[in-house]
């Protein structure tokens, strides 16, 4: 094995380690909460998480994808781009916190939600920079150590929703301190006030992309939370998280090459795509089997063969189109990407409204799969994506 190949393999495995430290941590915590306490408690947690995630989607304003592209194109301006994004996000945090404080949130812990939003946003300021700097191992170590601490707390205390949310808030604050320390050199000298308004304008297309991606991947979960009990919501959120983790596997393999993905010719991207599709077909079987085993024996959830089949199809369909997204960015087809993602979000939302109240979990998986199939067709449309 050549030195260059060895380095690439090391990057892939370190990336996988970092990317899956978070999912494995979430899986461990969710299993313990469901088994030691109740699925209903985890369902209450999910209800709070959904609102926090929606608010943070607005706060981040598409910055994860935007900053990844900016860092790659203009490495000399990393500090300035990072600081501008932080100033802009803090302003959005202030505005949205004020709005939420005025809105009645029945059945939810409003004060803890606001604290959680700020705590989680604070460490996510550095998320794109951690990826660009390839701090995969450091991030993974932080996640593993913190989840071990959380498990110790779960073992020690009798959990209720307030204490559980408090634990997540505390962990997010620790991440902020640690990631801030890792990246402190990019915060000095402070120039975030210089042209911060440009951040909103320049990252707006990425914000639209993030919103449409949220609708495409999570609209079914939000809709299910409106009609199902907390126990059913907990089960569905856990299953869809596993599907997302299967998608994350493809993204994690690509992450070490994120710096160069925007410079590749389309022929090279197509070669990568064929390899990933083949990988996805095989991994889909293995991952679906793993999901069935974990949810059945560890969570003690029951799943029909229809649900298992839909899980496999939802995993595999992603591998057929996900490389077309960075290809669209590379060949100035961003608005085509946004258009397709918006169609995916729309079909997931509209179909979910029609069938989830009747079919429940199966309806959610069907609407999600429909969005994926539409994405496959849309991203392969030669009219929308004519690469040269």
Protein backbone atom coordinates (compact mmCIF):
# COMPACT_ATOMS: atom_id res chain seq x y z
CA UNK A 1 0.00 0.00 0.00
CA UNK A 2 1.44 3.37 -1.05
CA UNK A 3 1.92 6.21 1.43
CA UNK A 4 -0.81 8.25 -0.29
CA UNK A 5 -3.29 5.35 -0.19
CA UNK A 6 -2.45 4.64 3.45
CA UNK A 7 -3.09 8.26 4.32
CA UNK A 8 -6.46 8.20 2.57
CA UNK A 9 -7.49 5.01 4.39
CA UNK A 10 -6.46 6.54 7.72
CA UNK A 11 -8.52 9.66 6.93
CA UNK A 12 -11.57 7.57 6.06
CA UNK A 13 -11.38 5.55 9.26
CA UNK A 14 -10.74 8.60 11.44
CA UNK A 15 -13.68 10.32 9.73
CA UNK A 16 -15.89 7.28 10.34
CA UNK A 17 -14.77 7.22 13.97
CA UNK A 18 -15.71 10.86 14.46
CA UNK A 19 -18.96 10.77 12.50
CA UNK A 20 -20.23 7.66 14.25
CA UNK A 21 -19.16 8.62 17.74
CA UNK A 22 -22.26 10.83 17.92
CA UNK A 23 -24.74 8.23 16.56
CA UNK A 24 -23.32 5.46 18.74
CA UNK A 25 -23.56 7.78 21.74
CA UNK A 26 -27.19 8.61 20.90
CA UNK A 27 -28.00 4.93 20.44
CA UNK A 28 -26.47 4.03 23.80
CA UNK A 29 -28.31 6.81 25.63
CA UNK A 30 -31.66 6.09 23.93
CA UNK A 31 -31.42 2.36 24.72
CA UNK A 32 -30.72 3.09 28.39
CA UNK A 33 -33.53 5.64 28.67
CA UNK A 34 -36.05 3.31 26.97
CA UNK A 35 -35.02 0.20 28.94
CA UNK A 36 -34.24 1.74 32.36
CA UNK A 37 -37.06 4.27 32.38
CA UNK A 38 -39.60 4.24 29.54
CA UNK A 39 -40.16 4.79 25.83
CA UNK A 40 -42.60 7.55 26.83
CA UNK A 41 -39.75 9.51 28.46
CA UNK A 42 -37.70 9.26 25.27
CA UNK A 43 -40.77 10.36 23.31
CA UNK A 44 -41.04 13.47 25.52
CA UNK A 45 -37.38 14.16 24.83
CA UNK A 46 -38.00 13.85 21.08
CA UNK A 47 -40.86 16.37 21.27
CA UNK A 48 -38.45 18.92 22.75
CA UNK A 49 -35.65 17.95 20.36
CA UNK A 50 -37.82 18.51 17.29
CA UNK A 51 -38.51 22.12 18.28
CA UNK A 52 -34.86 22.78 19.16
CA UNK A 53 -33.72 21.30 15.84
CA UNK A 54 -36.20 23.42 13.88
CA UNK A 55 -35.05 26.63 15.57
CA UNK A 56 -31.38 25.77 15.06
CA UNK A 57 -32.01 25.14 11.38
CA UNK A 58 -33.01 28.79 11.09
CA UNK A 59 -30.19 29.99 13.36
CA UNK A 60 -27.47 28.29 11.34
CA UNK A 61 -28.84 29.76 8.10
CA UNK A 62 -27.22 27.11 5.90
CA UNK A 63 -23.80 27.87 7.36
CA UNK A 64 -22.57 24.28 7.55
CA UNK A 65 -22.56 23.82 3.78
CA UNK A 66 -21.75 27.46 3.03
CA UNK A 67 -18.73 27.59 5.33
CA UNK A 68 -17.43 24.25 4.07
CA UNK A 69 -17.41 25.68 0.57
CA UNK A 70 -15.92 29.02 1.67
CA UNK A 71 -13.16 27.41 3.72
CA UNK A 72 -12.21 25.28 0.74
CA UNK A 73 -12.22 28.17 -1.75
CA UNK A 74 -10.62 30.87 0.43
CA UNK A 75 -8.49 29.33 3.22
CA UNK A 76 -6.94 32.72 4.04
CA UNK A 77 -10.35 34.09 5.07
CA UNK A 78 -11.37 31.25 7.39
CA UNK A 79 -11.20 33.39 10.55
CA UNK A 80 -13.22 36.21 9.03
CA UNK A 81 -15.87 33.90 7.57
CA UNK A 82 -16.19 32.03 10.86
CA UNK A 83 -16.51 35.20 12.93
CA UNK A 84 -19.08 36.74 10.60
CA UNK A 85 -21.18 33.60 10.86
CA UNK A 86 -21.00 33.68 14.67
CA UNK A 87 -22.17 37.31 14.83
CA UNK A 88 -25.05 36.57 12.47
CA UNK A 89 -26.11 33.46 14.39
CA UNK A 90 -26.08 35.28 17.73
CA UNK A 91 -28.42 37.92 16.29
CA UNK A 92 -30.78 35.20 15.06
CA UNK A 93 -30.58 33.48 18.45
CA UNK A 94 -31.61 36.68 20.21
CA UNK A 95 -34.54 37.28 17.85
CA UNK A 96 -35.84 33.71 17.95
CA UNK A 97 -35.41 33.44 21.73
CA UNK A 98 -37.57 36.53 22.15
CA UNK A 99 -40.18 35.09 19.79
CA UNK A 100 -40.27 31.73 21.60
CA UNK A 101 -40.56 33.43 24.98
CA UNK A 102 -43.82 35.02 23.78
CA UNK A 103 -45.31 31.84 22.33
CA UNK A 104 -47.15 29.39 24.63
CA UNK A 105 -45.60 25.92 24.41
CA UNK A 106 -48.08 23.61 26.10
CA UNK A 107 -46.61 20.44 27.52
CA UNK A 108 -43.03 21.58 26.86
CA UNK A 109 -40.35 22.98 29.15
CA UNK A 110 -39.91 26.42 27.59
CA UNK A 111 -37.05 27.58 29.81
CA UNK A 112 -35.04 24.43 29.19
CA UNK A 113 -35.77 24.63 25.47
CA UNK A 114 -34.32 28.15 25.31
CA UNK A 115 -31.24 27.11 27.30
CA UNK A 116 -30.76 24.06 25.08
CA UNK A 117 -31.00 26.12 21.90
CA UNK A 118 -28.20 28.44 23.07
CA UNK A 119 -26.05 25.60 24.42
CA UNK A 120 -26.30 23.51 21.26
CA UNK A 121 -25.83 26.48 18.92
CA UNK A 122 -22.67 27.51 20.77
CA UNK A 123 -20.60 24.43 19.93
CA UNK A 124 -22.11 24.11 16.47
CA UNK A 125 -20.45 27.46 15.66
CA UNK A 126 -17.29 25.36 15.14
CA UNK A 127 -18.78 22.34 13.37
CA UNK A 128 -17.71 23.21 9.82
CA UNK A 129 -14.26 24.25 11.01
CA UNK A 130 -13.77 20.97 12.86
CA UNK A 131 -14.57 19.13 9.65
CA UNK A 132 -12.36 21.34 7.48
CA UNK A 133 -9.43 20.92 9.90
CA UNK A 134 -10.10 17.18 10.01
CA UNK A 135 -10.30 17.10 13.80
CA UNK A 136 -12.05 13.76 13.53
CA UNK A 137 -10.25 11.95 16.34
CA UNK A 138 -10.51 14.89 18.76
CA UNK A 139 -14.25 15.22 18.14
CA UNK A 140 -14.78 11.49 18.58
CA UNK A 141 -12.85 11.40 21.87
CA UNK A 142 -14.93 14.30 23.22
CA UNK A 143 -18.17 12.53 22.26
CA UNK A 144 -17.14 9.20 23.79
CA UNK A 145 -15.99 10.74 27.08
CA UNK A 146 -19.13 12.86 27.42
CA UNK A 147 -21.52 10.01 26.68
CA UNK A 148 -19.77 7.88 29.31
CA UNK A 149 -20.42 10.69 31.77
CA UNK A 150 -24.06 10.82 30.73
CA UNK A 151 -24.44 7.06 31.14
CA UNK A 152 -23.02 7.37 34.65
CA UNK A 153 -25.65 10.03 35.41
CA UNK A 154 -28.43 7.85 33.99
CA UNK A 155 -27.29 5.04 36.25
CA UNK A 156 -27.07 7.32 39.28
CA UNK A 157 -30.29 9.36 39.09
CA UNK A 158 -33.99 8.68 38.61
CA UNK A 159 -34.70 10.45 35.33
CA UNK A 160 -37.53 12.77 34.42
CA UNK A 161 -37.78 15.04 31.40
CA UNK A 162 -36.28 18.06 33.18
CA UNK A 163 -33.24 16.20 34.40
CA UNK A 164 -32.73 14.49 31.04
CA UNK A 165 -32.84 17.81 29.16
CA UNK A 166 -30.51 19.31 31.76
CA UNK A 167 -27.96 16.59 31.05
CA UNK A 168 -28.01 17.31 27.32
CA UNK A 169 -27.66 21.05 27.97
CA UNK A 170 -24.67 20.45 30.23
CA UNK A 171 -22.97 18.25 27.65
CA UNK A 172 -23.51 20.85 24.91
CA UNK A 173 -21.92 23.54 27.09
CA UNK A 174 -18.88 21.35 27.70
CA UNK A 175 -18.57 20.81 23.94
CA UNK A 176 -18.63 24.59 23.45
CA UNK A 177 -15.73 25.04 25.86
CA UNK A 178 -13.66 22.23 24.32
CA UNK A 179 -14.29 23.07 20.65
CA UNK A 180 -13.73 26.74 21.40
CA UNK A 181 -10.35 25.85 22.92
CA UNK A 182 -9.43 23.73 19.88
CA UNK A 183 -10.24 26.60 17.51
CA UNK A 184 -9.40 29.64 19.64
CA UNK A 185 -6.73 30.87 17.20
CA UNK A 186 -9.47 31.49 14.61
CA UNK A 187 -11.24 33.88 16.99
CA UNK A 188 -8.33 36.31 17.23
CA UNK A 189 -8.11 39.06 16.23
CA UNK A 190 -11.88 39.56 16.34
CA UNK A 191 -13.22 41.00 13.08
CA UNK A 192 -16.72 39.54 13.10
CA UNK A 193 -18.36 42.94 12.81
CA UNK A 194 -16.76 43.48 9.38
CA UNK A 195 -19.38 42.76 6.71
CA UNK A 196 -21.41 40.30 8.81
CA UNK A 197 -24.53 41.27 6.83
CA UNK A 198 -22.97 39.63 3.78
CA UNK A 199 -23.25 36.28 5.55
CA UNK A 200 -27.06 36.33 5.37
CA UNK A 201 -27.01 37.17 1.67
CA UNK A 202 -24.23 34.79 0.61
CA UNK A 203 -25.45 31.79 2.60
CA UNK A 204 -29.15 32.27 1.82
CA UNK A 205 -29.21 29.64 -0.99
CA UNK A 206 -27.66 27.16 1.44
CA UNK A 207 -30.32 28.09 3.99
CA UNK A 208 -33.03 27.25 1.47
CA UNK A 209 -31.23 23.98 0.78
CA UNK A 210 -31.10 23.18 4.50
CA UNK A 211 -34.81 23.91 4.96
CA UNK A 212 -35.76 21.75 2.00
CA UNK A 213 -33.43 19.00 3.25
CA UNK A 214 -35.08 19.15 6.66
CA UNK A 215 -38.51 18.77 5.06
CA UNK A 216 -37.27 15.93 2.85
CA UNK A 217 -35.69 13.98 5.69
CA UNK A 218 -37.69 14.94 8.78
CA UNK A 219 -41.17 16.14 7.80
CA UNK A 220 -42.52 12.66 8.49
CA UNK A 221 -41.15 12.72 12.06
CA UNK A 222 -42.68 16.14 12.75
CA UNK A 223 -46.03 14.99 11.35
CA UNK A 224 -45.96 11.77 13.35
CA UNK A 225 -45.43 13.83 16.52
CA UNK A 226 -48.78 15.54 15.87
CA UNK A 227 -50.86 12.36 15.72
CA UNK A 228 -49.03 9.61 17.59
CA UNK A 229 -48.45 8.97 21.29
CA UNK A 230 -45.02 9.62 22.78
CA UNK A 231 -44.21 5.88 22.81
CA UNK A 232 -44.89 5.51 19.07
CA UNK A 233 -42.99 8.73 18.38
CA UNK A 234 -39.99 7.40 20.31
CA UNK A 235 -39.97 4.18 18.27
CA UNK A 236 -40.30 5.99 14.93
CA UNK A 237 -37.63 8.56 15.78
CA UNK A 238 -35.21 5.80 16.73
CA UNK A 239 -35.86 3.89 13.49
CA UNK A 240 -35.50 7.00 11.30
CA UNK A 241 -32.33 7.93 13.18
CA UNK A 242 -30.87 4.57 12.18
CA UNK A 243 -31.78 5.31 8.56
CA UNK A 244 -30.07 8.70 8.85
CA UNK A 245 -26.99 7.01 10.36
CA UNK A 246 -26.89 4.68 7.37
CA UNK A 247 -26.90 7.76 5.13
CA UNK A 248 -24.23 9.28 7.32
CA UNK A 249 -21.98 6.34 6.52
CA UNK A 250 -21.82 7.46 2.89
CA UNK A 251 -21.23 11.07 3.92
CA UNK A 252 -18.53 10.07 6.40
CA UNK A 253 -16.61 8.19 3.73
CA UNK A 254 -16.71 11.30 1.53
CA UNK A 255 -15.80 13.80 4.30
CA UNK A 256 -12.00 13.43 4.11
CA UNK A 257 -12.22 14.52 0.46
CA UNK A 258 -14.58 17.43 1.12
CA UNK A 259 -11.80 19.93 0.48
CA UNK A 260 -11.41 18.65 -3.09
CA UNK A 261 -14.94 17.55 -3.99
CA UNK A 262 -15.76 20.94 -5.51
CA UNK A 263 -12.73 20.71 -7.82
CA UNK A 264 -13.43 17.26 -9.31
CA UNK A 265 -14.50 16.80 -12.91
CA UNK A 266 -17.91 15.18 -13.39
CA UNK A 267 -16.35 12.00 -14.85
CA UNK A 268 -14.47 11.53 -11.58
CA UNK A 269 -17.63 12.14 -9.57
CA UNK A 270 -19.46 9.55 -11.69
CA UNK A 271 -16.76 6.97 -10.96
CA UNK A 272 -17.15 7.64 -7.25
CA UNK A 273 -20.91 7.44 -7.60
CA UNK A 274 -20.84 3.97 -9.18
CA UNK A 275 -18.67 2.73 -6.33
CA UNK A 276 -20.97 4.22 -3.70
CA UNK A 277 -24.10 2.76 -5.29
CA UNK A 278 -22.55 -0.71 -5.25
CA UNK A 279 -21.48 -0.14 -1.66
CA UNK A 280 -24.96 1.08 -0.73
CA UNK A 281 -26.72 -2.01 -2.13
CA UNK A 282 -24.52 -4.28 -0.02
CA UNK A 283 -24.47 -2.12 3.08
CA UNK A 284 -28.23 -1.73 2.91
CA UNK A 285 -28.71 -5.44 3.62
CA UNK A 286 -26.15 -5.47 6.43
CA UNK A 287 -27.41 -2.26 8.04
CA UNK A 288 -31.08 -3.25 7.81
CA UNK A 289 -30.27 -6.52 9.53
CA UNK A 290 -28.37 -4.62 12.20
CA UNK A 291 -31.26 -2.19 12.72
CA UNK A 292 -33.70 -5.08 13.07
CA UNK A 293 -31.48 -6.81 15.60
CA UNK A 294 -30.86 -3.72 17.73
CA UNK A 295 -34.46 -2.48 17.76
CA UNK A 296 -35.85 -5.96 18.46
CA UNK A 297 -33.45 -7.25 21.10
CA UNK A 298 -32.13 -4.08 22.76
CA UNK A 299 -35.09 -1.69 22.48
CA UNK A 300 -37.60 -4.56 22.44
CA UNK A 301 -39.66 -2.95 19.68
CA UNK A 302 -41.76 -5.04 17.32
CA UNK A 303 -41.39 -4.52 13.56
CA UNK A 304 -43.33 -6.04 10.67
CA UNK A 305 -41.72 -7.26 7.44
CA UNK A 306 -43.22 -4.25 5.68
CA UNK A 307 -41.39 -1.88 8.03
CA UNK A 308 -38.11 -3.81 7.57
CA UNK A 309 -38.45 -3.64 3.76
CA UNK A 310 -39.18 0.10 3.86
CA UNK A 311 -36.13 0.65 6.07
CA UNK A 312 -33.90 -1.08 3.48
CA UNK A 313 -35.35 0.92 0.58
CA UNK A 314 -35.01 4.22 2.48
CA UNK A 315 -31.34 3.44 3.12
CA UNK A 316 -30.43 2.37 -0.41
CA UNK A 317 -32.18 5.13 -2.37
CA UNK A 318 -29.93 7.77 -0.79
CA UNK A 319 -26.79 6.19 -2.29
CA UNK A 320 -28.20 6.70 -5.79
CA UNK A 321 -28.24 10.48 -5.66
CA UNK A 322 -26.27 11.95 -2.76
CA UNK A 323 -23.06 12.63 -4.74
CA UNK A 324 -25.13 14.64 -7.23
CA UNK A 325 -25.55 17.31 -4.55
CA UNK A 326 -21.86 18.35 -4.32
CA UNK A 327 -21.66 17.85 -8.10
CA UNK A 328 -24.44 20.41 -8.44
CA UNK A 329 -22.49 22.86 -6.30
CA UNK A 330 -19.33 22.22 -8.29
CA UNK A 331 -21.01 22.90 -11.64
CA UNK A 332 -23.03 25.94 -10.53
CA UNK A 333 -26.32 24.03 -10.37
CA UNK A 334 -27.17 25.11 -6.83
CA UNK A 335 -30.65 26.32 -7.69
CA UNK A 336 -31.37 23.01 -9.41
CA UNK A 337 -30.28 21.23 -6.23
CA UNK A 338 -32.56 23.48 -4.16
CA UNK A 339 -35.45 22.87 -6.57
CA UNK A 340 -35.14 19.09 -6.33
CA UNK A 341 -34.71 19.14 -2.55
CA UNK A 342 -37.79 21.38 -2.28
CA UNK A 343 -39.81 18.89 -4.33
CA UNK A 344 -38.60 16.11 -2.04
CA UNK A 345 -39.59 18.09 1.04
CA UNK A 346 -42.95 18.92 -0.47
CA UNK A 347 -43.84 15.33 -1.33
CA UNK A 348 -42.74 14.11 2.11
CA UNK A 349 -44.87 16.77 3.78
CA UNK A 350 -47.99 16.48 1.60
CA UNK A 351 -48.02 12.70 1.35
CA UNK A 352 -47.31 12.46 5.07
CA UNK A 353 -50.33 14.63 5.87
CA UNK A 354 -52.50 12.30 3.77
CA UNK A 355 -51.33 8.89 4.97
CA UNK A 356 -49.62 9.20 8.37
CA UNK A 357 -52.88 9.76 10.33
CA UNK A 358 -54.15 6.42 8.94
CA UNK A 359 -51.00 4.32 8.48
CA UNK A 360 -48.83 5.75 11.26
CA UNK A 361 -45.24 4.53 11.12
CA UNK A 362 -45.67 2.76 7.78
CA UNK A 363 -47.15 5.95 6.33
CA UNK A 364 -44.13 7.93 7.54
CA UNK A 365 -41.68 5.49 5.97
CA UNK A 366 -43.66 5.49 2.71
CA UNK A 367 -43.72 9.28 2.47
CA UNK A 368 -39.98 9.40 3.24
CA UNK A 369 -39.27 6.77 0.56
CA UNK A 370 -41.38 8.70 -1.96
CA UNK A 371 -39.22 11.76 -1.31
CA UNK A 372 -36.08 9.67 -1.89
CA UNK A 373 -37.38 8.25 -5.17
CA UNK A 374 -38.28 11.74 -6.35
CA UNK A 375 -34.75 12.83 -5.45
CA UNK A 376 -33.27 9.95 -7.44
CA UNK A 377 -35.28 10.96 -10.51
CA UNK A 378 -34.72 14.68 -10.05
CA UNK A 379 -30.95 14.57 -9.54
CA UNK A 380 -30.58 12.38 -12.60
CA UNK A 381 -32.67 14.65 -14.81
CA UNK A 382 -30.55 15.81 -17.74
CA UNK A 383 -32.66 18.94 -18.10
CA UNK A 384 -31.89 20.05 -14.54
CA UNK A 385 -28.36 18.67 -14.31
CA UNK A 386 -26.53 18.92 -17.61
CA UNK A 387 -22.88 18.65 -16.55
CA UNK A 388 -20.08 19.43 -18.94
